[in-house]
Amino acid sequence: MHFFQKEIKLRPKARGFHLVTSEIENQLEHINKIEVGQLQVFIKHTSASLTINENADPTVREDFESHINKMVPEDAPYYKHTFEGPDDMPAHIKASLMGASVTIPVTNGKLNLGTWQGVYLCEHRNNGGSRSVVITLFGN
């Protein structure tokens, strides 16, 4: 069994849902050593998240942003955590709803995603900056 782990920084993104599959794949120099395994990607932030979804049509990502903003609005009168701005508490809620990690099968040295699947960075802050993720690759 092989284990490889490293922390990487994703380029800063505007608020919204962004494909980061290639940014992650470019950091997987040992993936060709794995015939059967998994990649776990974990984001080290509480106001951004990760998910896997449609990688072809960018309107899917736009619709995600529109919908989640309706589900979790800014400036709700019952928010108590407001010190860091009106987008902060909603960002924490959105991050918990979407999740902090994704796991992807690795088969014959490649990510085994579906034809139309990609990894999204879900940036829930107006000015989130660079995001750190830990990538852990393991298998035989």
N, C-alpha and C. Protein backbone atom coordinates (compact mmCIF):
# COMPACT_ATOMS: atom_id res chain seq x y z
N MET A 1 0.86 -1.18 0.00
CA MET A 1 0.00 0.00 0.00
C MET A 1 0.90 1.23 0.00
N HIS A 2 0.57 2.18 -0.85
CA HIS A 2 1.31 3.45 -0.94
C HIS A 2 0.43 4.57 -0.38
N PHE A 3 1.08 5.51 0.32
CA PHE A 3 0.39 6.70 0.84
C PHE A 3 1.20 7.93 0.44
N PHE A 4 0.53 8.92 -0.11
CA PHE A 4 1.15 10.19 -0.46
C PHE A 4 0.23 11.30 0.03
N GLN A 5 0.81 12.30 0.67
CA GLN A 5 -0.01 13.40 1.16
C GLN A 5 0.75 14.71 1.03
N LYS A 6 0.02 15.75 0.65
CA LYS A 6 0.62 17.08 0.62
C LYS A 6 -0.48 18.13 0.74
N GLU A 7 -0.07 19.28 1.20
CA GLU A 7 -0.98 20.42 1.27
C GLU A 7 -0.67 21.34 0.10
N ILE A 8 -1.72 21.75 -0.60
CA ILE A 8 -1.55 22.66 -1.73
C ILE A 8 -2.44 23.88 -1.55
N LYS A 9 -2.11 24.94 -2.24
CA LYS A 9 -2.93 26.14 -2.24
C LYS A 9 -3.59 26.27 -3.60
N LEU A 10 -4.90 26.41 -3.58
CA LEU A 10 -5.63 26.68 -4.82
C LEU A 10 -5.58 28.17 -5.09
N ARG A 11 -5.55 28.53 -6.34
CA ARG A 11 -5.54 29.95 -6.71
C ARG A 11 -6.79 30.64 -6.17
N PRO A 12 -6.68 31.91 -5.76
CA PRO A 12 -7.86 32.63 -5.28
C PRO A 12 -8.96 32.66 -6.35
N LYS A 13 -10.18 32.52 -5.89
CA LYS A 13 -11.33 32.53 -6.79
C LYS A 13 -12.36 33.53 -6.29
N ALA A 14 -13.13 34.06 -7.19
CA ALA A 14 -14.26 34.92 -6.82
C ALA A 14 -15.33 34.06 -6.15
N ARG A 15 -16.23 34.71 -5.49
CA ARG A 15 -17.36 33.98 -4.89
C ARG A 15 -18.07 33.19 -5.98
N GLY A 16 -18.39 31.94 -5.66
CA GLY A 16 -19.07 31.09 -6.63
C GLY A 16 -18.52 29.68 -6.61
N PHE A 17 -18.87 28.91 -7.62
CA PHE A 17 -18.50 27.51 -7.74
C PHE A 17 -17.53 27.38 -8.91
N HIS A 18 -16.36 26.79 -8.66
CA HIS A 18 -15.27 26.77 -9.64
C HIS A 18 -14.70 25.37 -9.79
N LEU A 19 -14.48 24.96 -11.04
CA LEU A 19 -13.82 23.69 -11.29
C LEU A 19 -12.34 23.79 -10.92
N VAL A 20 -11.88 22.86 -10.09
CA VAL A 20 -10.47 22.85 -9.67
C VAL A 20 -9.83 21.48 -9.91
N THR A 21 -10.49 20.65 -10.68
CA THR A 21 -9.98 19.29 -10.93
C THR A 21 -8.55 19.33 -11.46
N SER A 22 -8.29 20.16 -12.46
CA SER A 22 -6.95 20.18 -13.05
C SER A 22 -5.91 20.73 -12.08
N GLU A 23 -6.28 21.71 -11.25
CA GLU A 23 -5.34 22.22 -10.25
C GLU A 23 -4.91 21.11 -9.29
N ILE A 24 -5.86 20.24 -8.95
CA ILE A 24 -5.55 19.13 -8.05
C ILE A 24 -4.76 18.05 -8.79
N GLU A 25 -5.20 17.68 -9.98
CA GLU A 25 -4.51 16.64 -10.75
C GLU A 25 -3.04 17.01 -11.01
N ASN A 26 -2.79 18.28 -11.22
CA ASN A 26 -1.42 18.72 -11.50
C ASN A 26 -0.47 18.52 -10.31
N GLN A 27 -1.03 18.30 -9.14
CA GLN A 27 -0.22 18.08 -7.93
C GLN A 27 -0.06 16.60 -7.58
N LEU A 28 -0.60 15.72 -8.39
CA LEU A 28 -0.61 14.28 -8.09
C LEU A 28 0.52 13.56 -8.83
N GLU A 29 1.77 13.92 -8.53
CA GLU A 29 2.89 13.34 -9.26
C GLU A 29 3.05 11.84 -9.02
N HIS A 30 2.46 11.28 -7.97
CA HIS A 30 2.60 9.85 -7.67
C HIS A 30 1.38 9.02 -8.10
N ILE A 31 0.41 9.64 -8.75
CA ILE A 31 -0.83 8.91 -9.06
C ILE A 31 -0.57 7.71 -9.97
N ASN A 32 0.44 7.79 -10.82
CA ASN A 32 0.72 6.66 -11.74
C ASN A 32 1.18 5.41 -11.00
N LYS A 33 1.51 5.52 -9.71
CA LYS A 33 1.91 4.36 -8.90
C LYS A 33 0.72 3.62 -8.30
N ILE A 34 -0.48 4.17 -8.47
CA ILE A 34 -1.68 3.59 -7.86
C ILE A 34 -2.53 2.92 -8.94
N GLU A 35 -2.70 1.60 -8.82
CA GLU A 35 -3.59 0.87 -9.72
C GLU A 35 -5.03 0.91 -9.21
N VAL A 36 -5.19 0.68 -7.89
CA VAL A 36 -6.50 0.73 -7.26
C VAL A 36 -6.34 1.50 -5.96
N GLY A 37 -7.08 2.59 -5.81
CA GLY A 37 -6.95 3.39 -4.60
C GLY A 37 -7.96 4.51 -4.55
N GLN A 38 -7.61 5.51 -3.75
CA GLN A 38 -8.51 6.65 -3.57
C GLN A 38 -7.71 7.92 -3.39
N LEU A 39 -8.34 9.02 -3.76
CA LEU A 39 -7.83 10.35 -3.47
C LEU A 39 -8.85 11.04 -2.58
N GLN A 40 -8.37 11.53 -1.45
CA GLN A 40 -9.23 12.36 -0.60
C GLN A 40 -8.70 13.78 -0.70
N VAL A 41 -9.62 14.73 -0.89
CA VAL A 41 -9.28 16.15 -0.93
C VAL A 41 -10.06 16.81 0.20
N PHE A 42 -9.33 17.46 1.11
CA PHE A 42 -9.92 18.08 2.30
C PHE A 42 -9.56 19.55 2.32
N ILE A 43 -10.57 20.41 2.45
CA ILE A 43 -10.33 21.86 2.49
C ILE A 43 -10.20 22.31 3.95
N LYS A 44 -9.20 23.14 4.21
CA LYS A 44 -8.88 23.56 5.57
C LYS A 44 -9.49 24.93 5.90
N HIS A 45 -10.75 25.10 5.54
CA HIS A 45 -11.43 26.38 5.76
C HIS A 45 -12.87 26.12 6.17
N THR A 46 -13.45 27.08 6.87
CA THR A 46 -14.83 26.94 7.33
C THR A 46 -15.80 27.81 6.54
N SER A 47 -15.30 28.51 5.52
CA SER A 47 -16.19 29.36 4.73
C SER A 47 -16.07 29.05 3.23
N ALA A 48 -15.51 27.90 2.91
CA ALA A 48 -15.46 27.38 1.55
C ALA A 48 -15.64 25.88 1.65
N SER A 49 -16.01 25.25 0.55
CA SER A 49 -16.28 23.82 0.59
C SER A 49 -15.90 23.16 -0.73
N LEU A 50 -16.11 21.86 -0.79
CA LEU A 50 -15.82 21.07 -1.98
C LEU A 50 -17.02 20.21 -2.32
N THR A 51 -17.21 19.98 -3.60
CA THR A 51 -18.22 19.01 -4.04
C THR A 51 -17.82 18.52 -5.42
N ILE A 52 -18.51 17.51 -5.90
CA ILE A 52 -18.29 16.99 -7.25
C ILE A 52 -19.60 17.11 -8.01
N ASN A 53 -19.51 17.67 -9.22
CA ASN A 53 -20.70 17.80 -10.04
C ASN A 53 -20.30 18.07 -11.49
N GLU A 54 -21.24 18.53 -12.28
CA GLU A 54 -21.13 18.80 -13.72
C GLU A 54 -19.86 19.58 -14.07
N ASN A 55 -19.09 19.05 -15.05
CA ASN A 55 -17.86 19.73 -15.42
C ASN A 55 -17.90 20.38 -16.80
N ALA A 56 -19.03 20.31 -17.49
CA ALA A 56 -19.06 20.80 -18.87
C ALA A 56 -19.79 22.14 -19.01
N ASP A 57 -20.97 22.24 -18.50
CA ASP A 57 -21.79 23.44 -18.70
C ASP A 57 -21.61 24.40 -17.53
N PRO A 58 -21.01 25.57 -17.74
CA PRO A 58 -20.78 26.51 -16.64
C PRO A 58 -22.05 27.07 -16.01
N THR A 59 -23.18 26.96 -16.70
CA THR A 59 -24.42 27.46 -16.10
C THR A 59 -24.84 26.62 -14.89
N VAL A 60 -24.37 25.38 -14.82
CA VAL A 60 -24.65 24.56 -13.64
C VAL A 60 -24.04 25.22 -12.41
N ARG A 61 -22.80 25.68 -12.53
CA ARG A 61 -22.12 26.33 -11.41
C ARG A 61 -22.80 27.65 -11.04
N GLU A 62 -23.27 28.37 -12.04
CA GLU A 62 -24.02 29.61 -11.78
C GLU A 62 -25.32 29.30 -11.04
N ASP A 63 -26.01 28.25 -11.46
CA ASP A 63 -27.26 27.87 -10.79
C ASP A 63 -27.02 27.41 -9.36
N PHE A 64 -25.91 26.71 -9.11
CA PHE A 64 -25.56 26.34 -7.74
C PHE A 64 -25.46 27.59 -6.88
N GLU A 65 -24.71 28.58 -7.35
CA GLU A 65 -24.51 29.81 -6.58
C GLU A 65 -25.86 30.51 -6.34
N SER A 66 -26.68 30.62 -7.35
CA SER A 66 -27.99 31.27 -7.19
C SER A 66 -28.86 30.54 -6.18
N HIS A 67 -28.89 29.22 -6.30
CA HIS A 67 -29.77 28.45 -5.43
C HIS A 67 -29.30 28.47 -3.97
N ILE A 68 -28.02 28.28 -3.75
CA ILE A 68 -27.55 28.24 -2.36
C ILE A 68 -27.70 29.60 -1.69
N ASN A 69 -27.61 30.68 -2.48
CA ASN A 69 -27.83 32.01 -1.90
C ASN A 69 -29.28 32.23 -1.50
N LYS A 70 -30.21 31.59 -2.19
CA LYS A 70 -31.62 31.65 -1.77
C LYS A 70 -31.85 30.80 -0.53
N MET A 71 -31.19 29.64 -0.47
CA MET A 71 -31.33 28.76 0.69
C MET A 71 -30.75 29.39 1.96
N VAL A 72 -29.61 30.07 1.79
CA VAL A 72 -28.89 30.64 2.94
C VAL A 72 -28.60 32.11 2.63
N PRO A 73 -29.55 32.98 2.93
CA PRO A 73 -29.38 34.40 2.58
C PRO A 73 -28.42 35.13 3.52
N GLU A 74 -27.87 36.22 3.01
CA GLU A 74 -27.07 37.11 3.86
C GLU A 74 -28.01 38.00 4.67
N ASP A 75 -27.47 38.55 5.74
CA ASP A 75 -28.18 39.52 6.58
C ASP A 75 -29.46 38.99 7.21
N ALA A 76 -29.52 37.70 7.47
CA ALA A 76 -30.69 37.18 8.18
C ALA A 76 -30.69 37.81 9.58
N PRO A 77 -31.82 38.29 10.05
CA PRO A 77 -31.85 39.03 11.32
C PRO A 77 -31.49 38.20 12.55
N TYR A 78 -31.51 36.88 12.43
CA TYR A 78 -31.22 36.03 13.58
C TYR A 78 -29.74 35.64 13.67
N TYR A 79 -28.88 36.02 12.69
CA TYR A 79 -27.46 35.72 12.77
C TYR A 79 -26.83 36.53 13.90
N LYS A 80 -26.08 35.86 14.74
CA LYS A 80 -25.34 36.52 15.81
C LYS A 80 -23.87 36.70 15.45
N HIS A 81 -23.35 35.80 14.65
CA HIS A 81 -21.94 35.86 14.23
C HIS A 81 -21.85 36.79 13.02
N THR A 82 -21.64 38.08 13.26
CA THR A 82 -21.64 39.07 12.18
C THR A 82 -20.36 39.90 12.13
N PHE A 83 -19.41 39.63 13.03
CA PHE A 83 -18.21 40.44 13.16
C PHE A 83 -17.40 40.52 11.87
N GLU A 84 -17.34 39.42 11.11
CA GLU A 84 -16.50 39.36 9.91
C GLU A 84 -17.25 39.74 8.63
N GLY A 85 -18.42 40.31 8.75
CA GLY A 85 -19.15 40.78 7.58
C GLY A 85 -20.39 39.95 7.28
N PRO A 86 -21.26 40.49 6.43
CA PRO A 86 -22.54 39.83 6.16
C PRO A 86 -22.44 38.52 5.38
N ASP A 87 -21.29 38.29 4.73
CA ASP A 87 -21.15 37.03 3.98
C ASP A 87 -20.54 35.91 4.81
N ASP A 88 -20.08 36.21 6.04
CA ASP A 88 -19.34 35.21 6.81
C ASP A 88 -20.21 34.11 7.39
N MET A 89 -21.23 34.45 8.15
CA MET A 89 -22.07 33.40 8.75
C MET A 89 -22.75 32.57 7.67
N PRO A 90 -23.31 33.18 6.62
CA PRO A 90 -23.86 32.34 5.55
C PRO A 90 -22.80 31.43 4.93
N ALA A 91 -21.55 31.91 4.84
CA ALA A 91 -20.49 31.07 4.28
C ALA A 91 -20.24 29.85 5.14
N HIS A 92 -20.28 30.01 6.46
CA HIS A 92 -20.10 28.87 7.36
C HIS A 92 -21.21 27.84 7.17
N ILE A 93 -22.44 28.31 7.06
CA ILE A 93 -23.58 27.40 6.87
C ILE A 93 -23.46 26.68 5.53
N LYS A 94 -23.16 27.43 4.47
CA LYS A 94 -23.02 26.83 3.13
C LYS A 94 -21.91 25.79 3.11
N ALA A 95 -20.79 26.10 3.78
CA ALA A 95 -19.67 25.15 3.81
C ALA A 95 -20.07 23.86 4.50
N SER A 96 -20.85 23.96 5.58
CA SER A 96 -21.30 22.75 6.26
C SER A 96 -22.29 21.97 5.41
N LEU A 97 -23.13 22.65 4.68
CA LEU A 97 -24.09 21.96 3.81
C LEU A 97 -23.40 21.23 2.66
N MET A 98 -22.38 21.86 2.08
CA MET A 98 -21.71 21.27 0.92
C MET A 98 -20.67 20.23 1.34
N GLY A 99 -19.92 20.50 2.41
CA GLY A 99 -18.94 19.52 2.90
C GLY A 99 -17.50 19.98 2.74
N ALA A 100 -16.65 19.41 3.58
CA ALA A 100 -15.24 19.80 3.62
C ALA A 100 -14.33 18.87 2.83
N SER A 101 -14.86 17.77 2.30
CA SER A 101 -13.98 16.85 1.57
C SER A 101 -14.74 16.09 0.51
N VAL A 102 -13.96 15.59 -0.45
CA VAL A 102 -14.48 14.67 -1.47
C VAL A 102 -13.50 13.51 -1.57
N THR A 103 -14.01 12.35 -1.93
CA THR A 103 -13.20 11.16 -2.14
C THR A 103 -13.46 10.66 -3.55
N ILE A 104 -12.39 10.39 -4.26
CA ILE A 104 -12.48 9.98 -5.66
C ILE A 104 -11.72 8.67 -5.85
N PRO A 105 -12.32 7.67 -6.50
CA PRO A 105 -11.58 6.45 -6.78
C PRO A 105 -10.43 6.72 -7.75
N VAL A 106 -9.36 5.98 -7.59
CA VAL A 106 -8.22 6.02 -8.52
C VAL A 106 -8.10 4.64 -9.13
N THR A 107 -8.08 4.59 -10.46
CA THR A 107 -7.99 3.33 -11.19
C THR A 107 -6.92 3.45 -12.26
N ASN A 108 -5.97 2.54 -12.23
CA ASN A 108 -4.90 2.51 -13.23
C ASN A 108 -4.20 3.86 -13.39
N GLY A 109 -3.90 4.49 -12.27
CA GLY A 109 -3.13 5.73 -12.28
C GLY A 109 -3.88 6.98 -12.68
N LYS A 110 -5.22 6.91 -12.66
CA LYS A 110 -6.02 8.08 -13.05
C LYS A 110 -7.21 8.23 -12.12
N LEU A 111 -7.66 9.49 -11.95
CA LEU A 111 -8.90 9.71 -11.22
C LEU A 111 -10.03 9.05 -12.00
N ASN A 112 -10.88 8.34 -11.30
CA ASN A 112 -11.97 7.61 -11.94
C ASN A 112 -13.28 8.37 -11.75
N LEU A 113 -13.30 9.59 -12.28
CA LEU A 113 -14.52 10.41 -12.26
C LEU A 113 -15.40 10.03 -13.44
N GLY A 114 -16.69 10.32 -13.31
CA GLY A 114 -17.61 10.12 -14.42
C GLY A 114 -17.31 11.10 -15.54
N THR A 115 -17.84 10.80 -16.72
CA THR A 115 -17.58 11.61 -17.91
C THR A 115 -17.85 13.10 -17.67
N TRP A 116 -18.91 13.42 -16.96
CA TRP A 116 -19.30 14.82 -16.78
C TRP A 116 -19.03 15.33 -15.38
N GLN A 117 -18.11 14.69 -14.65
CA GLN A 117 -17.86 15.09 -13.26
C GLN A 117 -16.55 15.85 -13.12
N GLY A 118 -16.59 16.83 -12.21
CA GLY A 118 -15.39 17.58 -11.85
C GLY A 118 -15.48 18.00 -10.40
N VAL A 119 -14.33 18.34 -9.82
CA VAL A 119 -14.27 18.80 -8.44
C VAL A 119 -14.48 20.31 -8.43
N TYR A 120 -15.40 20.75 -7.59
CA TYR A 120 -15.67 22.18 -7.43
C TYR A 120 -15.06 22.69 -6.13
N LEU A 121 -14.44 23.86 -6.20
CA LEU A 121 -14.21 24.68 -5.02
C LEU A 121 -15.44 25.57 -4.92
N CYS A 122 -16.11 25.50 -3.80
CA CYS A 122 -17.28 26.34 -3.55
C CYS A 122 -16.82 27.49 -2.67
N GLU A 123 -16.62 28.64 -3.28
CA GLU A 123 -16.14 29.81 -2.54
C GLU A 123 -17.36 30.60 -2.08
N HIS A 124 -17.54 30.64 -0.77
CA HIS A 124 -18.74 31.26 -0.20
C HIS A 124 -18.50 32.67 0.32
N ARG A 125 -17.27 33.16 0.28
CA ARG A 125 -16.96 34.52 0.73
C ARG A 125 -16.74 35.43 -0.47
N ASN A 126 -17.01 36.71 -0.27
CA ASN A 126 -16.77 37.68 -1.34
C ASN A 126 -15.27 37.80 -1.63
N ASN A 127 -14.45 37.71 -0.61
CA ASN A 127 -12.99 37.83 -0.76
C ASN A 127 -12.31 36.71 0.02
N GLY A 128 -12.49 35.49 -0.42
CA GLY A 128 -11.97 34.35 0.32
C GLY A 128 -10.47 34.16 0.23
N GLY A 129 -9.86 34.57 -0.88
CA GLY A 129 -8.42 34.39 -1.04
C GLY A 129 -8.05 32.98 -1.44
N SER A 130 -6.76 32.70 -1.34
CA SER A 130 -6.25 31.37 -1.67
C SER A 130 -6.76 30.37 -0.64
N ARG A 131 -7.11 29.19 -1.09
CA ARG A 131 -7.63 28.15 -0.19
C ARG A 131 -6.66 26.98 -0.14
N SER A 132 -6.41 26.49 1.08
CA SER A 132 -5.52 25.35 1.29
C SER A 132 -6.32 24.06 1.33
N VAL A 133 -5.82 23.07 0.61
CA VAL A 133 -6.43 21.75 0.66
C VAL A 133 -5.34 20.72 0.90
N VAL A 134 -5.69 19.66 1.62
CA VAL A 134 -4.79 18.53 1.83
C VAL A 134 -5.26 17.44 0.90
N ILE A 135 -4.33 16.96 0.08
CA ILE A 135 -4.66 15.86 -0.82
C ILE A 135 -3.93 14.62 -0.31
N THR A 136 -4.70 13.54 -0.16
CA THR A 136 -4.15 12.27 0.33
C THR A 136 -4.49 11.20 -0.70
N LEU A 137 -3.44 10.64 -1.26
CA LEU A 137 -3.56 9.61 -2.29
C LEU A 137 -3.06 8.30 -1.69
N PHE A 138 -3.86 7.25 -1.81
CA PHE A 138 -3.42 5.97 -1.27
C PHE A 138 -3.98 4.83 -2.08
N GLY A 139 -3.27 3.71 -2.04
CA GLY A 139 -3.73 2.51 -2.75
C GLY A 139 -2.56 1.62 -3.12
N ASN A 140 -2.88 0.63 -3.92
CA ASN A 140 -1.87 -0.33 -4.40
C ASN A 140 -1.56 -0.08 -5.87
